[in-house]
Amino acid sequence: MTTDELLAVLRLQGAPKIGDVTVKKLIAHCGSAQAVFEEKRQNLLKIDGIGTHALKGLYDGEHKESAIDEFEYIKRNDIGFSYFMDADYPSYLRHCIDSPVLLYKRGNINLEGRKLISIVGTRKITSYGTAFCEKFIEDIAPLNPIIVSGFAYGVDITAQKAAVKHGLQTIGCLAHGLNQIYPKVHSKYLQDVEKNGGFYTEFRSSSNPDRENFLKRNRIIAGMSEATVVIESAEKGGSLVTADIANSYNRDVFAVPGRAGDKYSSGCNNLIKQQKAHMLTSAADLIYLLGWDINKKETPIIQKQLFVELEPAEQSIYDYLQQNGKQLLDSIALECKLPIFKVSSTLLNMEMKGVIRPLPGKLFESI
């Protein structure tokens, strides 16, 4: 990317009232970030969703100076970056409509041909959560995935330390600029993570770890990976937001079940109960459901019962899947003329009877 183009991208990224979706519209219409500033304002106003309010800050001199300052910081500190149209931009994230136009990075990140898993959860991880997280990463290590998390207290740092221990690449997605680290106590892990992966952030060097930044950062964690794993969570928390975002991106979500009544298992138990996440009891569950076990040595064989009795709704769904192969839940509901909530519970019952199975991408097939 040329200097002028990078400066133009930084100006667009920093303009108020213009988010990533709008920036991408402008670039697509004009052909490049630099061309946006060369285009006549009246032509930009013809773009769907672009109004005078959005364009007002685009030409503000203050934001132009801010872009120049950030450009100089990048060059002075040898900060890497990935533009959403570049080959080294995370491929899964690229397909998210609201993904960042520009990611700042540092470390030794290599995404080529790699599997990515995001692991999130409470900052107040219990001994149960710690043991599960460490065992899960130990068991999944032979497949050499990249472990993505938020470098925060609790589940995040536990997962990233375990990844380093087992020689896996790990990526921390930050809610602030690369000129600082939060929490500061985790500075002692910086070198290990950068040797075995690194850090991504969409935030400039002037950005602090404000609350809204963490919520915004969660979409990167959810969007970067093929699946998101929630280890432990209370009834409310950032990890549940990440799980919701992952579901909205049509990514697989896994949750570790816990005892009824345990505070930091309630969020996971609810995800499973509401069918917003697959139950995760071991690494084998994830490997099987994502189809990662290429040799199929560990894949459990589900034997369909002979002469199993099906309810009318179950029979309708089974017949549809037999005739049409793998199908999405929405398609099943539409074609079988059943409400979504009915289809969800019916599919679960059918899975228990061994006549259907869930597949990656929220697909289902008959057995």
Protein backbone atom coordinates (compact mmCIF):
# COMPACT_ATOMS: atom_id res chain seq x y z
CA MET A 1 0.00 0.00 0.00
CA THR A 2 1.33 3.45 -0.91
CA THR A 3 1.83 6.17 1.67
CA ASP A 4 -0.99 8.27 0.19
CA GLU A 5 -3.40 5.33 0.21
CA LEU A 6 -2.57 4.45 3.83
CA LEU A 7 -3.10 8.05 4.87
CA ALA A 8 -6.46 8.05 3.11
CA VAL A 9 -7.47 4.80 4.84
CA LEU A 10 -6.50 6.30 8.21
CA ARG A 11 -8.57 9.40 7.47
CA LEU A 12 -11.61 7.27 6.61
CA GLN A 13 -11.10 5.05 9.63
CA GLY A 14 -10.91 8.01 11.98
CA ALA A 15 -13.76 10.04 10.54
CA PRO A 16 -16.68 10.49 12.98
CA LYS A 17 -20.15 9.22 12.10
CA ILE A 18 -18.68 6.84 9.51
CA GLY A 19 -18.33 3.20 10.53
CA ASP A 20 -16.57 0.31 8.85
CA VAL A 21 -19.61 -0.64 6.75
CA THR A 22 -19.88 2.88 5.33
CA VAL A 23 -16.15 3.16 4.72
CA LYS A 24 -16.24 -0.05 2.66
CA LYS A 25 -19.17 1.34 0.64
CA LEU A 26 -17.20 4.49 -0.12
CA ILE A 27 -14.09 2.56 -1.14
CA ALA A 28 -16.10 0.14 -3.30
CA HIS A 29 -17.83 3.02 -5.07
CA CYS A 30 -14.70 5.08 -5.67
CA GLY A 31 -12.18 2.29 -6.25
CA SER A 32 -9.74 3.22 -3.47
CA ALA A 33 -9.55 5.15 -0.23
CA GLN A 34 -7.58 7.94 -1.87
CA ALA A 35 -10.20 8.26 -4.62
CA VAL A 36 -12.90 8.91 -1.99
CA PHE A 37 -11.31 12.27 -1.20
CA GLU A 38 -10.95 13.07 -4.89
CA GLU A 39 -14.61 12.34 -5.64
CA LYS A 40 -17.17 15.15 -5.74
CA ARG A 41 -19.28 15.38 -2.61
CA GLN A 42 -22.53 15.31 -4.56
CA ASN A 43 -21.53 12.01 -6.12
CA LEU A 44 -20.79 10.50 -2.71
CA LEU A 45 -24.24 11.55 -1.53
CA LYS A 46 -25.75 9.32 -4.21
CA ILE A 47 -24.37 6.23 -2.47
CA ASP A 48 -27.01 4.34 -0.51
CA GLY A 49 -26.73 5.11 3.20
CA ILE A 50 -24.41 8.13 2.79
CA GLY A 51 -25.84 11.41 4.02
CA THR A 52 -24.61 14.95 4.64
CA HIS A 53 -24.19 14.20 8.36
CA ALA A 54 -21.84 11.32 7.63
CA LEU A 55 -19.77 13.33 5.15
CA LYS A 56 -19.51 16.36 7.40
CA GLY A 57 -16.54 14.99 9.34
CA LEU A 58 -14.88 13.42 6.33
CA TYR A 59 -13.11 16.60 5.29
CA ASP A 60 -12.45 17.92 8.81
CA GLY A 61 -8.87 19.18 9.07
CA GLU A 62 -8.54 17.96 12.65
CA HIS A 63 -9.15 14.36 11.63
CA LYS A 64 -6.72 14.70 8.75
CA GLU A 65 -4.02 15.77 11.22
CA SER A 66 -4.94 12.85 13.48
CA ALA A 67 -4.44 10.46 10.55
CA ILE A 68 -1.02 11.97 9.87
CA ASP A 69 -0.06 11.56 13.54
CA GLU A 70 -1.10 7.91 13.49
CA PHE A 71 0.76 7.31 10.24
CA GLU A 72 3.93 8.71 11.78
CA TYR A 73 3.43 6.55 14.90
CA ILE A 74 3.07 3.43 12.72
CA LYS A 75 6.26 4.16 10.82
CA ARG A 76 8.24 5.26 13.88
CA ASN A 77 7.36 2.13 15.86
CA ASP A 78 7.38 -0.33 12.97
CA ILE A 79 3.72 -1.28 13.56
CA GLY A 80 2.31 -3.77 11.11
CA PHE A 81 -1.17 -3.52 9.64
CA SER A 82 -3.62 -5.57 7.59
CA TYR A 83 -6.03 -3.84 5.22
CA PHE A 84 -9.36 -5.60 4.64
CA MET A 85 -8.55 -6.08 0.94
CA ASP A 86 -5.06 -7.50 1.54
CA ALA A 87 -4.22 -11.20 1.36
CA ASP A 88 -2.91 -11.29 4.93
CA TYR A 89 -6.17 -10.01 6.41
CA PRO A 90 -7.92 -12.74 8.48
CA SER A 91 -10.06 -14.58 5.94
CA TYR A 92 -12.96 -15.43 8.25
CA LEU A 93 -13.11 -11.84 9.48
CA ARG A 94 -13.12 -10.50 5.94
CA HIS A 95 -16.55 -12.06 5.42
CA CYS A 96 -18.08 -10.10 8.33
CA ILE A 97 -19.88 -7.02 7.06
CA ASP A 98 -18.76 -4.87 10.01
CA SER A 99 -15.16 -6.08 10.18
CA PRO A 100 -12.48 -3.40 10.68
CA VAL A 101 -11.17 -1.71 7.55
CA LEU A 102 -7.70 -1.75 9.07
CA LEU A 103 -6.13 -3.93 11.75
CA TYR A 104 -2.92 -2.93 13.49
CA LYS A 105 -0.70 -5.85 14.46
CA ARG A 106 2.58 -6.88 16.00
CA GLY A 107 4.33 -10.16 16.62
CA ASN A 108 4.77 -13.19 14.34
CA ILE A 109 1.26 -13.91 13.13
CA ASN A 110 0.93 -16.43 10.30
CA LEU A 111 -2.65 -17.34 9.38
CA GLU A 112 -1.93 -19.21 6.16
CA GLY A 113 -3.72 -22.53 6.06
CA ARG A 114 -4.38 -22.53 9.79
CA LYS A 115 -7.43 -23.43 11.85
CA LEU A 116 -8.56 -20.71 14.27
CA ILE A 117 -10.52 -21.16 17.49
CA SER A 118 -11.61 -18.32 19.79
CA ILE A 119 -11.74 -19.09 23.50
CA VAL A 120 -13.53 -16.70 25.86
CA GLY A 121 -15.11 -16.69 29.29
CA THR A 122 -15.26 -15.11 32.70
CA ARG A 123 -12.43 -13.07 34.15
CA LYS A 124 -13.01 -14.93 37.43
CA ILE A 125 -12.16 -18.39 36.20
CA THR A 126 -12.62 -21.25 38.68
CA SER A 127 -10.37 -24.26 39.22
CA TYR A 128 -12.87 -26.28 37.16
CA GLY A 129 -12.62 -23.81 34.28
CA THR A 130 -8.83 -23.69 34.47
CA ALA A 131 -8.51 -27.48 34.41
CA PHE A 132 -10.92 -27.82 31.49
CA CYS A 133 -9.25 -25.05 29.48
CA GLU A 134 -5.74 -26.46 29.92
CA LYS A 135 -6.86 -30.02 29.12
CA PHE A 136 -8.85 -28.86 26.08
CA ILE A 137 -5.86 -27.08 24.58
CA GLU A 138 -3.54 -29.98 25.37
CA ASP A 139 -5.88 -32.35 23.54
CA ILE A 140 -6.44 -30.08 20.55
CA ALA A 141 -2.74 -29.20 20.19
CA PRO A 142 -1.93 -32.04 17.70
CA LEU A 143 -4.17 -30.29 15.15
CA ASN A 144 -2.04 -27.14 15.52
CA PRO A 145 -4.84 -24.55 15.66
CA ILE A 146 -4.36 -20.85 16.41
CA ILE A 147 -5.94 -19.86 19.73
CA VAL A 148 -7.61 -16.43 19.66
CA SER A 149 -8.68 -14.57 22.79
CA GLY A 150 -8.75 -11.15 24.42
CA PHE A 151 -5.62 -11.27 26.64
CA ALA A 152 -7.81 -10.39 29.64
CA TYR A 153 -7.93 -11.89 33.11
CA GLY A 154 -9.35 -15.36 33.67
CA VAL A 155 -10.23 -17.60 30.76
CA ASP A 156 -8.46 -15.44 28.15
CA ILE A 157 -4.99 -15.50 29.65
CA THR A 158 -5.38 -19.12 30.79
CA ALA A 159 -6.07 -20.18 27.19
CA GLN A 160 -3.24 -18.11 25.76
CA LYS A 161 -0.70 -19.34 28.30
CA ALA A 162 -1.74 -22.93 27.59
CA ALA A 163 -1.35 -22.30 23.86
CA VAL A 164 2.19 -21.03 24.37
CA LYS A 165 2.97 -24.02 26.62
CA HIS A 166 1.98 -26.42 23.86
CA GLY A 167 3.75 -24.53 21.09
CA LEU A 168 0.58 -23.19 19.48
CA GLN A 169 0.27 -19.83 17.85
CA THR A 170 -1.98 -17.50 19.86
CA ILE A 171 -3.45 -14.09 19.03
CA GLY A 172 -4.62 -11.50 21.54
CA CYS A 173 -7.28 -9.07 20.30
CA LEU A 174 -6.91 -5.82 22.20
CA ALA A 175 -9.39 -3.07 23.10
CA HIS A 176 -6.82 -0.26 22.91
CA GLY A 177 -3.82 0.91 20.92
CA LEU A 178 -0.55 -1.02 20.66
CA ASN A 179 1.29 1.62 22.68
CA GLN A 180 0.05 0.08 25.93
CA ILE A 181 -1.20 -3.17 27.42
CA TYR A 182 -4.23 -3.87 29.56
CA PRO A 183 -4.21 -5.27 32.14
CA LYS A 184 -0.66 -4.10 32.88
CA VAL A 185 0.09 -7.21 34.93
CA HIS A 186 -0.08 -9.23 31.70
CA SER A 187 2.90 -7.35 30.27
CA LYS A 188 5.04 -10.27 31.46
CA TYR A 189 3.36 -12.48 28.83
CA LEU A 190 3.93 -10.12 25.90
CA GLN A 191 7.19 -11.61 24.70
CA ASP A 192 5.93 -15.20 24.75
CA VAL A 193 2.75 -14.33 22.88
CA GLU A 194 4.60 -12.28 20.26
CA LYS A 195 7.02 -15.16 19.65
CA ASN A 196 4.10 -17.55 19.21
CA GLY A 197 1.63 -15.29 17.40
CA GLY A 198 0.94 -11.72 18.37
CA PHE A 199 -1.72 -9.05 18.74
CA TYR A 200 -4.44 -7.42 16.65
CA THR A 201 -6.32 -4.22 17.36
CA GLU A 202 -8.42 -1.80 15.36
CA PHE A 203 -7.72 0.99 17.85
CA ARG A 204 -5.20 3.76 17.36
CA SER A 205 -2.32 4.58 19.66
CA SER A 206 -4.43 7.33 21.23
CA SER A 207 -7.18 4.88 22.27
CA ASN A 208 -7.54 3.81 25.89
CA PRO A 209 -9.13 0.56 27.15
CA ASP A 210 -12.60 2.08 27.54
CA ARG A 211 -15.62 -0.13 28.20
CA GLU A 212 -17.18 0.41 24.77
CA ASN A 213 -13.92 -0.65 23.12
CA PHE A 214 -14.10 -4.09 24.74
CA LEU A 215 -17.59 -4.64 23.37
CA LYS A 216 -16.45 -3.53 19.92
CA ARG A 217 -13.36 -5.74 20.16
CA ASN A 218 -15.55 -8.80 20.77
CA ARG A 219 -16.71 -8.87 17.15
CA ILE A 220 -13.10 -9.36 16.05
CA ILE A 221 -12.67 -12.32 18.40
CA ALA A 222 -15.93 -13.84 17.14
CA GLY A 223 -15.30 -13.02 13.49
CA MET A 224 -11.71 -14.22 13.20
CA SER A 225 -12.39 -17.85 13.99
CA GLU A 226 -14.28 -20.82 12.69
CA ALA A 227 -15.80 -21.37 16.12
CA THR A 228 -16.01 -19.71 19.53
CA VAL A 229 -15.66 -21.67 22.78
CA VAL A 230 -17.12 -20.29 26.01
CA ILE A 231 -15.38 -21.97 28.97
CA GLU A 232 -17.19 -20.32 31.89
CA SER A 233 -19.58 -17.38 32.19
CA ALA A 234 -22.03 -15.89 34.63
CA GLU A 235 -25.55 -15.08 33.43
CA LYS A 236 -24.28 -11.83 31.92
CA GLY A 237 -20.87 -10.97 30.55
CA GLY A 238 -18.75 -10.05 27.58
CA SER A 239 -18.20 -13.67 26.58
CA LEU A 240 -21.95 -14.09 26.03
CA VAL A 241 -21.89 -11.01 23.80
CA THR A 242 -19.07 -12.65 21.83
CA ALA A 243 -21.13 -15.84 21.55
CA ASP A 244 -24.13 -13.87 20.25
CA ILE A 245 -21.95 -12.13 17.67
CA ALA A 246 -20.47 -15.46 16.56
CA ASN A 247 -24.00 -16.82 16.11
CA SER A 248 -24.94 -13.75 14.07
CA TYR A 249 -21.95 -14.49 11.81
CA ASN A 250 -23.27 -18.05 11.41
CA ARG A 251 -20.24 -19.47 13.21
CA ASP A 252 -20.33 -22.47 15.51
CA VAL A 253 -20.41 -21.77 19.24
CA PHE A 254 -19.46 -24.28 21.94
CA ALA A 255 -20.09 -23.99 25.67
CA VAL A 256 -18.72 -26.02 28.57
CA PRO A 257 -21.55 -27.24 30.84
CA GLY A 258 -21.34 -26.92 34.60
CA ARG A 259 -23.32 -27.83 37.68
CA ALA A 260 -26.76 -26.29 38.04
CA GLY A 261 -26.50 -23.36 40.43
CA ASP A 262 -22.81 -22.66 39.86
CA LYS A 263 -22.52 -18.92 39.22
CA TYR A 264 -19.87 -19.13 36.53
CA SER A 265 -21.54 -22.01 34.70
CA SER A 266 -24.97 -20.41 34.41
CA GLY A 267 -24.12 -18.50 31.23
CA CYS A 268 -22.79 -21.61 29.49
CA ASN A 269 -25.69 -23.75 30.68
CA ASN A 270 -28.13 -21.17 29.30
CA LEU A 271 -26.38 -21.10 25.92
CA ILE A 272 -26.75 -24.87 25.68
CA LYS A 273 -30.34 -24.85 26.96
CA GLN A 274 -31.33 -22.16 24.46
CA GLN A 275 -29.55 -24.07 21.68
CA LYS A 276 -27.21 -21.18 21.04
CA ALA A 277 -24.17 -23.42 21.56
CA HIS A 278 -23.08 -27.01 21.18
CA MET A 279 -22.29 -28.77 24.44
CA LEU A 280 -18.52 -29.15 24.81
CA THR A 281 -17.31 -31.89 27.14
CA SER A 282 -13.94 -32.50 25.49
CA ALA A 283 -11.80 -31.53 22.52
CA ALA A 284 -13.24 -34.53 20.64
CA ASP A 285 -16.67 -32.84 20.54
CA LEU A 286 -15.30 -29.81 18.71
CA ILE A 287 -13.04 -31.86 16.42
CA TYR A 288 -15.96 -34.03 15.35
CA LEU A 289 -18.55 -31.28 14.86
CA LEU A 290 -16.15 -29.09 12.88
CA GLY A 291 -14.99 -32.02 10.79
CA TRP A 292 -11.37 -31.43 11.72
CA ASP A 293 -10.48 -35.09 12.18
CA ILE A 294 -9.31 -35.72 8.62
CA ASN A 295 -8.44 -39.38 9.19
CA LYS A 296 -11.73 -39.96 11.06
CA LYS A 297 -9.86 -42.05 13.62
CA GLU A 298 -11.50 -40.30 16.54
CA THR A 299 -14.88 -39.70 14.93
CA PRO A 300 -17.61 -41.45 16.88
CA ILE A 301 -19.96 -43.56 14.81
CA ILE A 302 -23.58 -42.79 15.52
CA GLN A 303 -25.65 -45.93 14.97
CA LYS A 304 -29.23 -45.29 13.98
CA GLN A 305 -31.68 -47.38 15.97
CA LEU A 306 -33.73 -49.86 13.99
CA PHE A 307 -37.50 -49.31 14.01
CA VAL A 308 -37.17 -46.07 16.01
CA GLU A 309 -40.53 -44.40 16.54
CA LEU A 310 -40.81 -40.83 15.28
CA GLU A 311 -43.42 -38.22 16.12
CA PRO A 312 -45.24 -36.68 13.12
CA ALA A 313 -43.05 -33.53 13.16
CA GLU A 314 -39.92 -35.67 13.49
CA GLN A 315 -40.99 -37.87 10.59
CA SER A 316 -41.67 -34.82 8.43
CA ILE A 317 -38.20 -33.40 9.14
CA TYR A 318 -36.53 -36.78 8.67
CA ASP A 319 -38.20 -37.34 5.30
CA TYR A 320 -37.21 -33.84 4.18
CA LEU A 321 -33.57 -34.37 5.14
CA GLN A 322 -33.54 -37.80 3.48
CA GLN A 323 -34.71 -36.27 0.22
CA ASN A 324 -32.70 -33.05 0.27
CA GLY A 325 -29.51 -33.81 2.20
CA LYS A 326 -27.86 -31.25 4.49
CA GLN A 327 -30.13 -28.31 5.34
CA LEU A 328 -30.16 -25.20 7.51
CA LEU A 329 -32.59 -24.93 10.42
CA ASP A 330 -34.44 -22.05 8.73
CA SER A 331 -34.90 -24.09 5.54
CA ILE A 332 -36.20 -27.05 7.52
CA ALA A 333 -38.74 -24.87 9.30
CA LEU A 334 -39.88 -23.25 6.05
CA GLU A 335 -40.22 -26.44 4.02
CA CYS A 336 -41.77 -28.51 6.81
CA LYS A 337 -44.12 -25.65 7.74
CA LEU A 338 -43.08 -25.67 11.39
CA PRO A 339 -42.18 -22.76 13.71
CA ILE A 340 -38.47 -22.29 14.45
CA PHE A 341 -38.84 -23.03 18.17
CA LYS A 342 -40.61 -26.30 17.34
CA VAL A 343 -37.94 -27.32 14.84
CA SER A 344 -35.13 -26.57 17.32
CA SER A 345 -36.56 -28.79 20.04
CA THR A 346 -37.55 -31.49 17.55
CA LEU A 347 -34.06 -31.64 16.07
CA LEU A 348 -32.60 -32.05 19.54
CA ASN A 349 -34.94 -34.98 20.22
CA MET A 350 -34.07 -36.54 16.86
CA GLU A 351 -30.37 -36.18 17.59
CA MET A 352 -30.89 -38.01 20.87
CA LYS A 353 -32.70 -40.79 18.95
CA GLY A 354 -29.74 -41.09 16.62
CA VAL A 355 -31.57 -40.30 13.38
CA ILE A 356 -30.01 -36.90 12.56
CA ARG A 357 -26.77 -35.12 13.39
CA PRO A 358 -25.67 -31.46 13.51
CA LEU A 359 -22.93 -30.30 11.17
CA PRO A 360 -20.62 -27.26 10.97
CA GLY A 361 -22.35 -24.09 9.79
CA LYS A 362 -25.58 -24.93 11.66
CA LEU A 363 -26.54 -27.58 9.13
CA PHE A 364 -28.35 -30.84 9.88
CA GLU A 365 -28.44 -34.15 8.02
CA SER A 366 -30.22 -37.46 8.43
CA ILE A 367 -28.26 -40.57 9.37
